């Protein structure tokens, strides 16, 4: 299987900015999983909830519980696509020294965890 799990570090990270995409995320993730499964390398999907005002956060949490290859980064306020992509890149496991923890300039403690909360300062990113 080519989907990353906590036991297998990904070789490829797909970065996805999302703002008010609750309705589209389940189908997007289903199709993405279908495309990634046959690949010969492990992949993860990093979705940034960029200050969504709909149910995007809840949908992402539900999907992450079902799919180990999904990682979530949350912006409390809308910061735009460029910043969302930077946050996603900062959170990628394929570039991180260890799964689940990466360096981010936007975090006061300078360490952010993938589940949208900061392991250094305890606040949402």
PDB file of N, CA and C in Angstrom:
ATOM      1  N   UNK A   1       0.845  -1.181   0.000  1.00  0.00           N
ATOM      2  CA  UNK A   1       0.000   0.000   0.000  1.00  0.00           C
ATOM      3  C   UNK A   1       0.889   1.243   0.000  1.00  0.00           C
ATOM      4  N   UNK A   2       0.496   2.248  -0.745  1.00  0.00           N
ATOM      5  CA  UNK A   2       1.348   3.419  -0.901  1.00  0.00           C
ATOM      6  C   UNK A   2       0.906   4.615  -0.071  1.00  0.00           C
ATOM      7  N   UNK A   3      -0.031   4.419   0.825  1.00  0.00           N
ATOM      8  CA  UNK A   3      -0.476   5.532   1.651  1.00  0.00           C
ATOM      9  C   UNK A   3       0.298   5.539   2.951  1.00  0.00           C
ATOM     10  N   UNK A   4       0.753   6.723   3.335  1.00  0.00           N
ATOM     11  CA  UNK A   4       1.552   6.863   4.553  1.00  0.00           C
ATOM     12  C   UNK A   4       0.713   6.551   5.785  1.00  0.00           C
ATOM     13  N   UNK A   5       1.359   5.984   6.775  1.00  0.00           N
ATOM     14  CA  UNK A   5       0.748   5.721   8.073  1.00  0.00           C
ATOM     15  C   UNK A   5       1.727   6.220   9.127  1.00  0.00           C
ATOM     16  N   UNK A   6       1.315   6.263  10.391  1.00  0.00           N
ATOM     17  CA  UNK A   6       2.273   6.666  11.424  1.00  0.00           C
ATOM     18  C   UNK A   6       3.516   5.773  11.458  1.00  0.00           C
ATOM     19  N   UNK A   7       3.388   4.535  10.978  1.00  0.00           N
ATOM     20  CA  UNK A   7       4.514   3.608  10.974  1.00  0.00           C
ATOM     21  C   UNK A   7       5.367   3.716   9.712  1.00  0.00           C
ATOM     22  N   UNK A   8       4.870   4.389   8.676  1.00  0.00           N
ATOM     23  CA  UNK A   8       5.633   4.519   7.429  1.00  0.00           C
ATOM     24  C   UNK A   8       5.682   5.971   6.998  1.00  0.00           C
ATOM     25  N   UNK A   9       6.859   6.532   7.003  1.00  0.00           N
ATOM     26  CA  UNK A   9       7.032   7.930   6.610  1.00  0.00           C
ATOM     27  C   UNK A   9       6.746   8.094   5.121  1.00  0.00           C
ATOM     28  N   UNK A  10       6.078   9.175   4.742  1.00  0.00           N
ATOM     29  CA  UNK A  10       5.772   9.387   3.320  1.00  0.00           C
ATOM     30  C   UNK A  10       6.991   9.849   2.537  1.00  0.00           C
ATOM     31  N   UNK A  11       6.982   9.499   1.279  1.00  0.00           N
ATOM     32  CA  UNK A  11       8.004   9.969   0.355  1.00  0.00           C
ATOM     33  C   UNK A  11       7.481  11.170  -0.441  1.00  0.00           C
ATOM     34  N   UNK A  12       6.152  11.293  -0.536  1.00  0.00           N
ATOM     35  CA  UNK A  12       5.515  12.370  -1.286  1.00  0.00           C
ATOM     36  C   UNK A  12       4.435  12.989  -0.413  1.00  0.00           C
ATOM     37  N   UNK A  13       4.402  14.307  -0.381  1.00  0.00           N
ATOM     38  CA  UNK A  13       3.358  15.033   0.338  1.00  0.00           C
ATOM     39  C   UNK A  13       2.571  15.878  -0.652  1.00  0.00           C
ATOM     40  N   UNK A  14       1.253  15.749  -0.615  1.00  0.00           N
ATOM     41  CA  UNK A  14       0.372  16.534  -1.461  1.00  0.00           C
ATOM     42  C   UNK A  14      -0.217  17.634  -0.600  1.00  0.00           C
ATOM     43  N   UNK A  15       0.001  18.883  -0.996  1.00  0.00           N
ATOM     44  CA  UNK A  15      -0.405  20.043  -0.205  1.00  0.00           C
ATOM     45  C   UNK A  15      -1.720  20.594  -0.739  1.00  0.00           C
ATOM     46  N   UNK A  16      -2.704  20.739   0.165  1.00  0.00           N
ATOM     47  CA  UNK A  16      -4.043  21.138  -0.252  1.00  0.00           C
ATOM     48  C   UNK A  16      -4.563  22.273   0.626  1.00  0.00           C
ATOM     49  N   UNK A  17      -4.635  23.504   0.090  1.00  0.00           N
ATOM     50  CA  UNK A  17      -5.287  24.572   0.841  1.00  0.00           C
ATOM     51  C   UNK A  17      -6.800  24.399   0.739  1.00  0.00           C
ATOM     52  N   UNK A  18      -7.509  24.631   1.834  1.00  0.00           N
ATOM     53  CA  UNK A  18      -8.967  24.469   1.822  1.00  0.00           C
ATOM     54  C   UNK A  18      -9.613  25.588   2.631  1.00  0.00           C
ATOM     55  N   UNK A  19     -10.530  26.292   2.012  1.00  0.00           N
ATOM     56  CA  UNK A  19     -11.302  27.334   2.696  1.00  0.00           C
ATOM     57  C   UNK A  19     -12.771  27.083   2.388  1.00  0.00           C
ATOM     58  N   UNK A  20     -13.531  26.747   3.416  1.00  0.00           N
ATOM     59  CA  UNK A  20     -14.962  26.463   3.272  1.00  0.00           C
ATOM     60  C   UNK A  20     -15.223  25.359   2.248  1.00  0.00           C
ATOM     61  N   UNK A  21     -14.557  24.239   2.421  1.00  0.00           N
ATOM     62  CA  UNK A  21     -14.649  23.108   1.491  1.00  0.00           C
ATOM     63  C   UNK A  21     -15.282  21.862   2.124  1.00  0.00           C
ATOM     64  N   UNK A  22     -16.035  22.028   3.194  1.00  0.00           N
ATOM     65  CA  UNK A  22     -16.605  20.875   3.905  1.00  0.00           C
ATOM     66  C   UNK A  22     -17.360  19.939   2.964  1.00  0.00           C
ATOM     67  N   UNK A  23     -18.112  20.484   2.064  1.00  0.00           N
ATOM     68  CA  UNK A  23     -18.934  19.682   1.165  1.00  0.00           C
ATOM     69  C   UNK A  23     -18.089  18.866   0.177  1.00  0.00           C
ATOM     70  N   UNK A  24     -16.929  19.394  -0.220  1.00  0.00           N
ATOM     71  CA  UNK A  24     -16.113  18.761  -1.259  1.00  0.00           C
ATOM     72  C   UNK A  24     -15.040  17.813  -0.731  1.00  0.00           C
ATOM     73  N   UNK A  25     -14.652  17.970   0.515  1.00  0.00           N
ATOM     74  CA  UNK A  25     -13.500  17.214   1.029  1.00  0.00           C
ATOM     75  C   UNK A  25     -13.680  15.696   1.034  1.00  0.00           C
ATOM     76  N   UNK A  26     -14.831  15.143   1.416  1.00  0.00           N
ATOM     77  CA  UNK A  26     -14.945  13.678   1.407  1.00  0.00           C
ATOM     78  C   UNK A  26     -14.719  13.066   0.019  1.00  0.00           C
ATOM     79  N   UNK A  27     -15.322  13.656  -1.001  1.00  0.00           N
ATOM     80  CA  UNK A  27     -15.140  13.123  -2.355  1.00  0.00           C
ATOM     81  C   UNK A  27     -13.718  13.368  -2.852  1.00  0.00           C
ATOM     82  N   UNK A  28     -13.162  14.528  -2.548  1.00  0.00           N
ATOM     83  CA  UNK A  28     -11.778  14.804  -2.921  1.00  0.00           C
ATOM     84  C   UNK A  28     -10.844  13.751  -2.333  1.00  0.00           C
ATOM     85  N   UNK A  29     -11.014  13.458  -1.051  1.00  0.00           N
ATOM     86  CA  UNK A  29     -10.133  12.496  -0.394  1.00  0.00           C
ATOM     87  C   UNK A  29     -10.353  11.079  -0.934  1.00  0.00           C
ATOM     88  N   UNK A  30     -11.597  10.733  -1.237  1.00  0.00           N
ATOM     89  CA  UNK A  30     -11.886   9.415  -1.820  1.00  0.00           C
ATOM     90  C   UNK A  30     -11.160   9.263  -3.159  1.00  0.00           C
ATOM     91  N   UNK A  31     -11.284  10.272  -4.022  1.00  0.00           N
ATOM     92  CA  UNK A  31     -10.640  10.213  -5.331  1.00  0.00           C
ATOM     93  C   UNK A  31      -9.118  10.230  -5.205  1.00  0.00           C
ATOM     94  N   UNK A  32      -8.602  11.032  -4.297  1.00  0.00           N
ATOM     95  CA  UNK A  32      -7.155  11.107  -4.094  1.00  0.00           C
ATOM     96  C   UNK A  32      -6.620   9.773  -3.617  1.00  0.00           C
ATOM     97  N   UNK A  33      -7.299   9.143  -2.673  1.00  0.00           N
ATOM     98  CA  UNK A  33      -6.889   7.825  -2.169  1.00  0.00           C
ATOM     99  C   UNK A  33      -6.840   6.802  -3.307  1.00  0.00           C
ATOM    100  N   UNK A  34      -7.862   6.832  -4.153  1.00  0.00           N
ATOM    101  CA  UNK A  34      -7.941   5.906  -5.275  1.00  0.00           C
ATOM    102  C   UNK A  34      -6.750   6.071  -6.227  1.00  0.00           C
ATOM    103  N   UNK A  35      -6.349   7.312  -6.459  1.00  0.00           N
ATOM    104  CA  UNK A  35      -5.223   7.596  -7.355  1.00  0.00           C
ATOM    105  C   UNK A  35      -3.886   7.222  -6.708  1.00  0.00           C
ATOM    106  N   UNK A  36      -3.763   7.443  -5.409  1.00  0.00           N
ATOM    107  CA  UNK A  36      -2.489   7.208  -4.730  1.00  0.00           C
ATOM    108  C   UNK A  36      -2.207   5.747  -4.428  1.00  0.00           C
ATOM    109  N   UNK A  37      -3.240   4.948  -4.208  1.00  0.00           N
ATOM    110  CA  UNK A  37      -3.042   3.547  -3.814  1.00  0.00           C
ATOM    111  C   UNK A  37      -2.096   2.747  -4.709  1.00  0.00           C
ATOM    112  N   UNK A  38      -2.197   2.835  -6.027  1.00  0.00           N
ATOM    113  CA  UNK A  38      -1.311   2.007  -6.858  1.00  0.00           C
ATOM    114  C   UNK A  38       0.123   2.523  -7.000  1.00  0.00           C
ATOM    115  N   UNK A  39       0.411   3.694  -6.482  1.00  0.00           N
ATOM    116  CA  UNK A  39       1.754   4.257  -6.653  1.00  0.00           C
ATOM    117  C   UNK A  39       2.796   3.461  -5.872  1.00  0.00           C
ATOM    118  N   UNK A  40       4.028   3.423  -6.367  1.00  0.00           N
ATOM    119  CA  UNK A  40       5.069   2.622  -5.721  1.00  0.00           C
ATOM    120  C   UNK A  40       5.762   3.304  -4.537  1.00  0.00           C
ATOM    121  N   UNK A  41       5.298   4.472  -4.129  1.00  0.00           N
ATOM    122  CA  UNK A  41       5.904   5.187  -3.009  1.00  0.00           C
ATOM    123  C   UNK A  41       4.800   5.660  -2.072  1.00  0.00           C
ATOM    124  N   UNK A  42       5.154   5.840  -0.805  1.00  0.00           N
ATOM    125  CA  UNK A  42       4.139   6.237   0.178  1.00  0.00           C
ATOM    126  C   UNK A  42       3.837   7.725   0.069  1.00  0.00           C
ATOM    127  N   UNK A  43       2.566   8.048   0.211  1.00  0.00           N
ATOM    128  CA  UNK A  43       2.102   9.421   0.049  1.00  0.00           C
ATOM    129  C   UNK A  43       1.248   9.842   1.241  1.00  0.00           C
ATOM    130  N   UNK A  44       1.287  11.138   1.526  1.00  0.00           N
ATOM    131  CA  UNK A  44       0.397  11.734   2.506  1.00  0.00           C
ATOM    132  C   UNK A  44      -0.294  12.921   1.854  1.00  0.00           C
ATOM    133  N   UNK A  45      -1.439  13.294   2.415  1.00  0.00           N
ATOM    134  CA  UNK A  45      -2.163  14.482   1.985  1.00  0.00           C
ATOM    135  C   UNK A  45      -2.201  15.415   3.183  1.00  0.00           C
ATOM    136  N   UNK A  46      -1.700  16.635   2.999  1.00  0.00           N
ATOM    137  CA  UNK A  46      -1.693  17.651   4.054  1.00  0.00           C
ATOM    138  C   UNK A  46      -2.696  18.724   3.653  1.00  0.00           C
ATOM    139  N   UNK A  47      -3.808  18.807   4.389  1.00  0.00           N
ATOM    140  CA  UNK A  47      -4.851  19.792   4.102  1.00  0.00           C
ATOM    141  C   UNK A  47      -4.765  20.913   5.123  1.00  0.00           C
ATOM    142  N   UNK A  48      -4.750  22.153   4.620  1.00  0.00           N
ATOM    143  CA  UNK A  48      -4.757  23.326   5.485  1.00  0.00           C
ATOM    144  C   UNK A  48      -6.157  23.931   5.468  1.00  0.00           C
ATOM    145  N   UNK A  49      -6.807  23.902   6.625  1.00  0.00           N
ATOM    146  CA  UNK A  49      -8.088  24.590   6.796  1.00  0.00           C
ATOM    147  C   UNK A  49      -7.750  26.058   7.006  1.00  0.00           C
ATOM    148  N   UNK A  50      -7.950  26.850   5.970  1.00  0.00           N
ATOM    149  CA  UNK A  50      -7.543  28.257   5.998  1.00  0.00           C
ATOM    150  C   UNK A  50      -8.662  29.161   6.494  1.00  0.00           C
ATOM    151  N   UNK A  51      -8.947  29.073   7.779  1.00  0.00           N
ATOM    152  CA  UNK A  51      -9.936  29.948   8.390  1.00  0.00           C
ATOM    153  C   UNK A  51     -11.354  29.715   7.931  1.00  0.00           C
ATOM    154  N   UNK A  52     -11.703  28.478   7.651  1.00  0.00           N
ATOM    155  CA  UNK A  52     -13.053  28.171   7.173  1.00  0.00           C
ATOM    156  C   UNK A  52     -14.116  28.553   8.191  1.00  0.00           C
ATOM    157  N   UNK A  53     -15.273  28.980   7.676  1.00  0.00           N
ATOM    158  CA  UNK A  53     -16.401  29.316   8.532  1.00  0.00           C
ATOM    159  C   UNK A  53     -17.520  28.274   8.443  1.00  0.00           C
ATOM    160  N   UNK A  54     -17.346  27.278   7.583  1.00  0.00           N
ATOM    161  CA  UNK A  54     -18.324  26.192   7.488  1.00  0.00           C
ATOM    162  C   UNK A  54     -17.856  25.027   8.361  1.00  0.00           C
ATOM    163  N   UNK A  55     -18.243  23.818   8.053  1.00  0.00           N
ATOM    164  CA  UNK A  55     -17.893  22.641   8.853  1.00  0.00           C
ATOM    165  C   UNK A  55     -16.601  21.962   8.398  1.00  0.00           C
ATOM    166  N   UNK A  56     -15.740  22.675   7.689  1.00  0.00           N
ATOM    167  CA  UNK A  56     -14.496  22.084   7.195  1.00  0.00           C
ATOM    168  C   UNK A  56     -13.691  21.429   8.305  1.00  0.00           C
ATOM    169  N   UNK A  57     -13.530  22.085   9.437  1.00  0.00           N
ATOM    170  CA  UNK A  57     -12.727  21.526  10.537  1.00  0.00           C
ATOM    171  C   UNK A  57     -13.292  20.197  11.014  1.00  0.00           C
ATOM    172  N   UNK A  58     -14.600  20.123  11.214  1.00  0.00           N
ATOM    173  CA  UNK A  58     -15.231  18.882  11.684  1.00  0.00           C
ATOM    174  C   UNK A  58     -15.121  17.778  10.648  1.00  0.00           C
ATOM    175  N   UNK A  59     -15.311  18.125   9.392  1.00  0.00           N
ATOM    176  CA  UNK A  59     -15.200  17.133   8.321  1.00  0.00           C
ATOM    177  C   UNK A  59     -13.774  16.599   8.250  1.00  0.00           C
ATOM    178  N   UNK A  60     -12.792  17.479   8.349  1.00  0.00           N
ATOM    179  CA  UNK A  60     -11.393  17.041   8.313  1.00  0.00           C
ATOM    180  C   UNK A  60     -11.068  16.123   9.491  1.00  0.00           C
ATOM    181  N   UNK A  61     -11.560  16.450  10.674  1.00  0.00           N
ATOM    182  CA  UNK A  61     -11.304  15.585  11.837  1.00  0.00           C
ATOM    183  C   UNK A  61     -11.908  14.199  11.619  1.00  0.00           C
ATOM    184  N   UNK A  62     -13.120  14.159  11.081  1.00  0.00           N
ATOM    185  CA  UNK A  62     -13.768  12.866  10.810  1.00  0.00           C
ATOM    186  C   UNK A  62     -12.970  12.076   9.765  1.00  0.00           C
ATOM    187  N   UNK A  63     -12.539  12.751   8.706  1.00  0.00           N
ATOM    188  CA  UNK A  63     -11.767  12.089   7.654  1.00  0.00           C
ATOM    189  C   UNK A  63     -10.406  11.625   8.162  1.00  0.00           C
ATOM    190  N   UNK A  64      -9.766  12.414   9.004  1.00  0.00           N
ATOM    191  CA  UNK A  64      -8.463  12.024   9.549  1.00  0.00           C
ATOM    192  C   UNK A  64      -8.584  10.776  10.422  1.00  0.00           C
ATOM    193  N   UNK A  65      -9.704  10.621  11.097  1.00  0.00           N
ATOM    194  CA  UNK A  65      -9.924   9.420  11.911  1.00  0.00           C
ATOM    195  C   UNK A  65     -10.070   8.182  11.030  1.00  0.00           C
ATOM    196  N   UNK A  66     -10.499   8.375   9.799  1.00  0.00           N
ATOM    197  CA  UNK A  66     -10.685   7.265   8.859  1.00  0.00           C
ATOM    198  C   UNK A  66      -9.464   6.991   7.992  1.00  0.00           C
ATOM    199  N   UNK A  67      -8.637   8.003   7.784  1.00  0.00           N
ATOM    200  CA  UNK A  67      -7.529   7.898   6.831  1.00  0.00           C
ATOM    201  C   UNK A  67      -6.218   8.343   7.473  1.00  0.00           C
ATOM    202  N   UNK A  68      -5.337   7.405   7.749  1.00  0.00           N
ATOM    203  CA  UNK A  68      -4.066   7.711   8.414  1.00  0.00           C
ATOM    204  C   UNK A  68      -3.130   8.555   7.545  1.00  0.00           C
ATOM    205  N   UNK A  69      -3.340   8.584   6.245  1.00  0.00           N
ATOM    206  CA  UNK A  69      -2.468   9.359   5.359  1.00  0.00           C
ATOM    207  C   UNK A  69      -2.844  10.837   5.310  1.00  0.00           C
ATOM    208  N   UNK A  70      -3.936  11.229   5.971  1.00  0.00           N
ATOM    209  CA  UNK A  70      -4.371  12.623   5.992  1.00  0.00           C
ATOM    210  C   UNK A  70      -3.809  13.336   7.206  1.00  0.00           C
ATOM    211  N   UNK A  71      -3.212  14.488   6.953  1.00  0.00           N
ATOM    212  CA  UNK A  71      -2.719  15.359   8.034  1.00  0.00           C
ATOM    213  C   UNK A  71      -3.439  16.691   7.903  1.00  0.00           C
ATOM    214  N   UNK A  72      -3.679  17.336   9.037  1.00  0.00           N
ATOM    215  CA  UNK A  72      -4.444  18.580   9.059  1.00  0.00           C
ATOM    216  C   UNK A  72      -3.621  19.694   9.698  1.00  0.00           C
ATOM    217  N   UNK A  73      -3.668  20.854   9.070  1.00  0.00           N
ATOM    218  CA  UNK A  73      -3.114  22.076   9.647  1.00  0.00           C
ATOM    219  C   UNK A  73      -4.273  23.071   9.651  1.00  0.00           C
ATOM    220  N   UNK A  74      -4.410  23.838  10.719  1.00  0.00           N
ATOM    221  CA  UNK A  74      -5.528  24.774  10.827  1.00  0.00           C
ATOM    222  C   UNK A  74      -5.032  26.200  11.028  1.00  0.00           C
ATOM    223  N   UNK A  75      -5.577  27.107  10.229  1.00  0.00           N
ATOM    224  CA  UNK A  75      -5.394  28.548  10.444  1.00  0.00           C
ATOM    225  C   UNK A  75      -6.670  29.053  11.098  1.00  0.00           C
ATOM    226  N   UNK A  76      -6.551  29.754  12.205  1.00  0.00           N
ATOM    227  CA  UNK A  76      -7.738  30.284  12.878  1.00  0.00           C
ATOM    228  C   UNK A  76      -8.433  31.351  12.046  1.00  0.00           C
ATOM    229  N   UNK A  77      -7.678  32.115  11.268  1.00  0.00           N
ATOM    230  CA  UNK A  77      -8.239  33.147  10.390  1.00  0.00           C
ATOM    231  C   UNK A  77      -7.733  32.899   8.971  1.00  0.00           C
ATOM    232  N   UNK A  78      -8.468  33.388   7.996  1.00  0.00           N
ATOM    233  CA  UNK A  78      -8.081  33.220   6.603  1.00  0.00           C
ATOM    234  C   UNK A  78      -6.790  33.979   6.341  1.00  0.00           C
ATOM    235  N   UNK A  79      -5.791  33.251   5.817  1.00  0.00           N
ATOM    236  CA  UNK A  79      -4.485  33.866   5.550  1.00  0.00           C
ATOM    237  C   UNK A  79      -4.117  33.830   4.074  1.00  0.00           C
ATOM    238  N   UNK A  80      -4.908  33.173   3.267  1.00  0.00           N
ATOM    239  CA  UNK A  80      -4.666  33.148   1.827  1.00  0.00           C
ATOM    240  C   UNK A  80      -3.944  31.894   1.372  1.00  0.00           C
ATOM    241  N   UNK A  81      -4.012  31.668   0.072  1.00  0.00           N
ATOM    242  CA  UNK A  81      -3.497  30.426  -0.507  1.00  0.00           C
ATOM    243  C   UNK A  81      -1.983  30.280  -0.341  1.00  0.00           C
ATOM    244  N   UNK A  82      -1.243  31.353  -0.523  1.00  0.00           N
ATOM    245  CA  UNK A  82       0.224  31.257  -0.418  1.00  0.00           C
ATOM    246  C   UNK A  82       0.640  30.859   0.991  1.00  0.00           C
ATOM    247  N   UNK A  83       0.031  31.489   1.988  1.00  0.00           N
ATOM    248  CA  UNK A  83       0.361  31.165   3.374  1.00  0.00           C
ATOM    249  C   UNK A  83      -0.116  29.760   3.737  1.00  0.00           C
ATOM    250  N   UNK A  84      -1.270  29.360   3.191  1.00  0.00           N
ATOM    251  CA  UNK A  84      -1.767  28.007   3.438  1.00  0.00           C
ATOM    252  C   UNK A  84      -0.795  26.964   2.875  1.00  0.00           C
ATOM    253  N   UNK A  85      -0.285  27.210   1.682  1.00  0.00           N
ATOM    254  CA  UNK A  85       0.679  26.279   1.089  1.00  0.00           C
ATOM    255  C   UNK A  85       1.985  26.257   1.877  1.00  0.00           C
ATOM    256  N   UNK A  86       2.422  27.394   2.374  1.00  0.00           N
ATOM    257  CA  UNK A  86       3.635  27.432   3.195  1.00  0.00           C
ATOM    258  C   UNK A  86       3.433  26.631   4.484  1.00  0.00           C
ATOM    259  N   UNK A  87       2.283  26.814   5.121  1.00  0.00           N
ATOM    260  CA  UNK A  87       1.995  26.059   6.344  1.00  0.00           C
ATOM    261  C   UNK A  87       1.947  24.560   6.068  1.00  0.00           C
ATOM    262  N   UNK A  88       1.367  24.187   4.937  1.00  0.00           N
ATOM    263  CA  UNK A  88       1.308  22.772   4.572  1.00  0.00           C
ATOM    264  C   UNK A  88       2.713  22.225   4.340  1.00  0.00           C
ATOM    265  N   UNK A  89       3.537  22.994   3.631  1.00  0.00           N
ATOM    266  CA  UNK A  89       4.916  22.553   3.388  1.00  0.00           C
ATOM    267  C   UNK A  89       5.685  22.423   4.690  1.00  0.00           C
ATOM    268  N   UNK A  90       5.466  23.356   5.610  1.00  0.00           N
ATOM    269  CA  UNK A  90       6.128  23.284   6.915  1.00  0.00           C
ATOM    270  C   UNK A  90       5.729  22.024   7.677  1.00  0.00           C
ATOM    271  N   UNK A  91       4.523  21.536   7.446  1.00  0.00           N
ATOM    272  CA  UNK A  91       3.989  20.403   8.203  1.00  0.00           C
ATOM    273  C   UNK A  91       4.227  19.054   7.544  1.00  0.00           C
ATOM    274  N   UNK A  92       4.833  19.033   6.374  1.00  0.00           N
ATOM    275  CA  UNK A  92       4.984  17.758   5.674  1.00  0.00           C
ATOM    276  C   UNK A  92       5.914  16.809   6.402  1.00  0.00           C
ATOM    277  N   UNK A  93       5.497  15.567   6.448  1.00  0.00           N
ATOM    278  CA  UNK A  93       6.311  14.531   7.072  1.00  0.00           C
ATOM    279  C   UNK A  93       7.534  14.212   6.244  1.00  0.00           C
ATOM    280  N   UNK A  94       7.410  14.329   4.922  1.00  0.00           N
ATOM    281  CA  UNK A  94       8.539  13.961   4.068  1.00  0.00           C
ATOM    282  C   UNK A  94       9.711  14.917   4.245  1.00  0.00           C
ATOM    283  N   UNK A  95       9.458  16.128   4.742  1.00  0.00           N
ATOM    284  CA  UNK A  95      10.531  17.080   4.964  1.00  0.00           C
ATOM    285  C   UNK A  95      10.868  17.249   6.438  1.00  0.00           C
ATOM    286  N   UNK A  96      10.016  16.746   7.294  1.00  0.00           N
ATOM    287  CA  UNK A  96      10.171  16.957   8.731  1.00  0.00           C
ATOM    288  C   UNK A  96      11.186  16.001   9.326  1.00  0.00           C
ATOM    289  N   UNK A  97      11.878  16.415  10.391  1.00  0.00           N
ATOM    290  CA  UNK A  97      12.826  15.526  11.040  1.00  0.00           C
ATOM    291  C   UNK A  97      12.150  14.340  11.720  1.00  0.00           C
ATOM    292  N   UNK A  98      10.891  14.501  12.148  1.00  0.00           N
ATOM    293  CA  UNK A  98      10.154  13.376  12.727  1.00  0.00           C
ATOM    294  C   UNK A  98       8.685  13.553  12.416  1.00  0.00           C
ATOM    295  N   UNK A  99       7.968  12.460  12.249  1.00  0.00           N
ATOM    296  CA  UNK A  99       6.552  12.500  11.879  1.00  0.00           C
ATOM    297  C   UNK A  99       5.736  13.237  12.934  1.00  0.00           C
ATOM    298  N   UNK A 100       4.952  14.213  12.475  1.00  0.00           N
ATOM    299  CA  UNK A 100       4.032  14.896  13.356  1.00  0.00           C
ATOM    300  C   UNK A 100       4.542  16.196  13.934  1.00  0.00           C
ATOM    301  N   UNK A 101       5.828  16.485  13.820  1.00  0.00           N
ATOM    302  CA  UNK A 101       6.351  17.721  14.393  1.00  0.00           C
ATOM    303  C   UNK A 101       7.270  18.401  13.388  1.00  0.00           C
ATOM    304  N   UNK A 102       6.995  19.674  13.128  1.00  0.00           N
ATOM    305  CA  UNK A 102       7.818  20.425  12.200  1.00  0.00           C
ATOM    306  C   UNK A 102       8.028  21.839  12.721  1.00  0.00           C
ATOM    307  N   UNK A 103       8.963  22.533  12.121  1.00  0.00           N
ATOM    308  CA  UNK A 103       9.233  23.910  12.519  1.00  0.00           C
ATOM    309  C   UNK A 103       8.347  24.850  11.707  1.00  0.00           C
ATOM    310  N   UNK A 104       7.800  25.863  12.350  1.00  0.00           N
ATOM    311  CA  UNK A 104       6.971  26.847  11.675  1.00  0.00           C
ATOM    312  C   UNK A 104       7.239  28.221  12.258  1.00  0.00           C
ATOM    313  N   UNK A 105       7.525  29.188  11.395  1.00  0.00           N
ATOM    314  CA  UNK A 105       7.812  30.539  11.862  1.00  0.00           C
ATOM    315  C   UNK A 105       6.586  31.205  12.475  1.00  0.00           C
ATOM    316  N   UNK A 106       5.377  30.736  12.126  1.00  0.00           N
ATOM    317  CA  UNK A 106       4.157  31.367  12.626  1.00  0.00           C
ATOM    318  C   UNK A 106       3.814  30.949  14.050  1.00  0.00           C
ATOM    319  N   UNK A 107       4.493  29.961  14.587  1.00  0.00           N
ATOM    320  CA  UNK A 107       4.191  29.463  15.928  1.00  0.00           C
ATOM    321  C   UNK A 107       5.087  30.141  16.953  1.00  0.00           C
ATOM    322  N   UNK A 108       4.506  30.684  18.019  1.00  0.00           N
ATOM    323  CA  UNK A 108       5.343  31.334  19.026  1.00  0.00           C
ATOM    324  C   UNK A 108       6.337  30.383  19.670  1.00  0.00           C
ATOM    325  N   UNK A 109       5.981  29.115  19.758  1.00  0.00           N
ATOM    326  CA  UNK A 109       6.892  28.125  20.329  1.00  0.00           C
ATOM    327  C   UNK A 109       7.781  27.498  19.284  1.00  0.00           C
ATOM    328  N   UNK A 110       7.571  27.808  18.024  1.00  0.00           N
ATOM    329  CA  UNK A 110       8.294  27.351  16.836  1.00  0.00           C
ATOM    330  C   UNK A 110       8.223  25.865  16.580  1.00  0.00           C
ATOM    331  N   UNK A 111       7.284  25.167  17.176  1.00  0.00           N
ATOM    332  CA  UNK A 111       7.054  23.762  16.858  1.00  0.00           C
ATOM    333  C   UNK A 111       5.556  23.531  16.739  1.00  0.00           C
ATOM    334  N   UNK A 112       5.095  23.059  15.580  1.00  0.00           N
ATOM    335  CA  UNK A 112       3.670  22.795  15.410  1.00  0.00           C
ATOM    336  C   UNK A 112       3.434  21.325  15.153  1.00  0.00           C
ATOM    337  N   UNK A 113       2.376  20.816  15.686  1.00  0.00           N
ATOM    338  CA  UNK A 113       1.996  19.423  15.461  1.00  0.00           C
ATOM    339  C   UNK A 113       0.950  19.379  14.357  1.00  0.00           C
ATOM    340  N   UNK A 114       0.836  18.245  13.699  1.00  0.00           N
ATOM    341  CA  UNK A 114      -0.018  18.148  12.523  1.00  0.00           C
ATOM    342  C   UNK A 114      -1.496  18.252  12.846  1.00  0.00           C
ATOM    343  N   UNK A 115      -1.906  17.984  14.040  1.00  0.00           N
ATOM    344  CA  UNK A 115      -3.336  17.964  14.358  1.00  0.00           C
ATOM    345  C   UNK A 115      -3.854  19.339  14.753  1.00  0.00           C
ATOM    346  N   UNK A 116      -3.273  20.374  14.214  1.00  0.00           N
ATOM    347  CA  UNK A 116      -3.744  21.739  14.363  1.00  0.00           C
ATOM    348  C   UNK A 116      -3.588  22.293  15.769  1.00  0.00           C
ATOM    349  N   UNK A 117      -2.683  21.752  16.532  1.00  0.00           N
ATOM    350  CA  UNK A 117      -2.392  22.376  17.813  1.00  0.00           C
ATOM    351  C   UNK A 117      -0.892  22.364  18.031  1.00  0.00           C
ATOM    352  N   UNK A 118      -0.437  23.331  18.758  1.00  0.00           N
ATOM    353  CA  UNK A 118       0.993  23.509  18.915  1.00  0.00           C
ATOM    354  C   UNK A 118       1.513  22.711  20.090  1.00  0.00           C
ATOM    355  N   UNK A 119       2.470  21.859  19.838  1.00  0.00           N
ATOM    356  CA  UNK A 119       3.028  21.043  20.908  1.00  0.00           C
ATOM    357  C   UNK A 119       3.947  21.845  21.825  1.00  0.00           C
ATOM    358  N   UNK A 120       4.424  22.995  21.345  1.00  0.00           N
ATOM    359  CA  UNK A 120       5.314  23.816  22.183  1.00  0.00           C
ATOM    360  C   UNK A 120       4.539  24.763  23.074  1.00  0.00           C
ATOM    361  N   UNK A 121       3.477  25.377  22.519  1.00  0.00           N
ATOM    362  CA  UNK A 121       2.759  26.385  23.310  1.00  0.00           C
ATOM    363  C   UNK A 121       1.339  25.985  23.640  1.00  0.00           C
ATOM    364  N   UNK A 122       0.818  24.905  23.020  1.00  0.00           N
ATOM    365  CA  UNK A 122      -0.516  24.410  23.333  1.00  0.00           C
ATOM    366  C   UNK A 122      -1.650  25.158  22.668  1.00  0.00           C
ATOM    367  N   UNK A 123      -1.347  26.143  21.836  1.00  0.00           N
ATOM    368  CA  UNK A 123      -2.425  26.910  21.186  1.00  0.00           C
ATOM    369  C   UNK A 123      -2.614  26.436  19.748  1.00  0.00           C
ATOM    370  N   UNK A 124      -3.824  26.630  19.193  1.00  0.00           N
ATOM    371  CA  UNK A 124      -4.036  26.281  17.789  1.00  0.00           C
ATOM    372  C   UNK A 124      -3.137  27.142  16.904  1.00  0.00           C
ATOM    373  N   UNK A 125      -2.735  26.595  15.759  1.00  0.00           N
ATOM    374  CA  UNK A 125      -1.900  27.337  14.833  1.00  0.00           C
ATOM    375  C   UNK A 125      -2.730  28.255  13.979  1.00  0.00           C
TER     376      UNK A 125
END
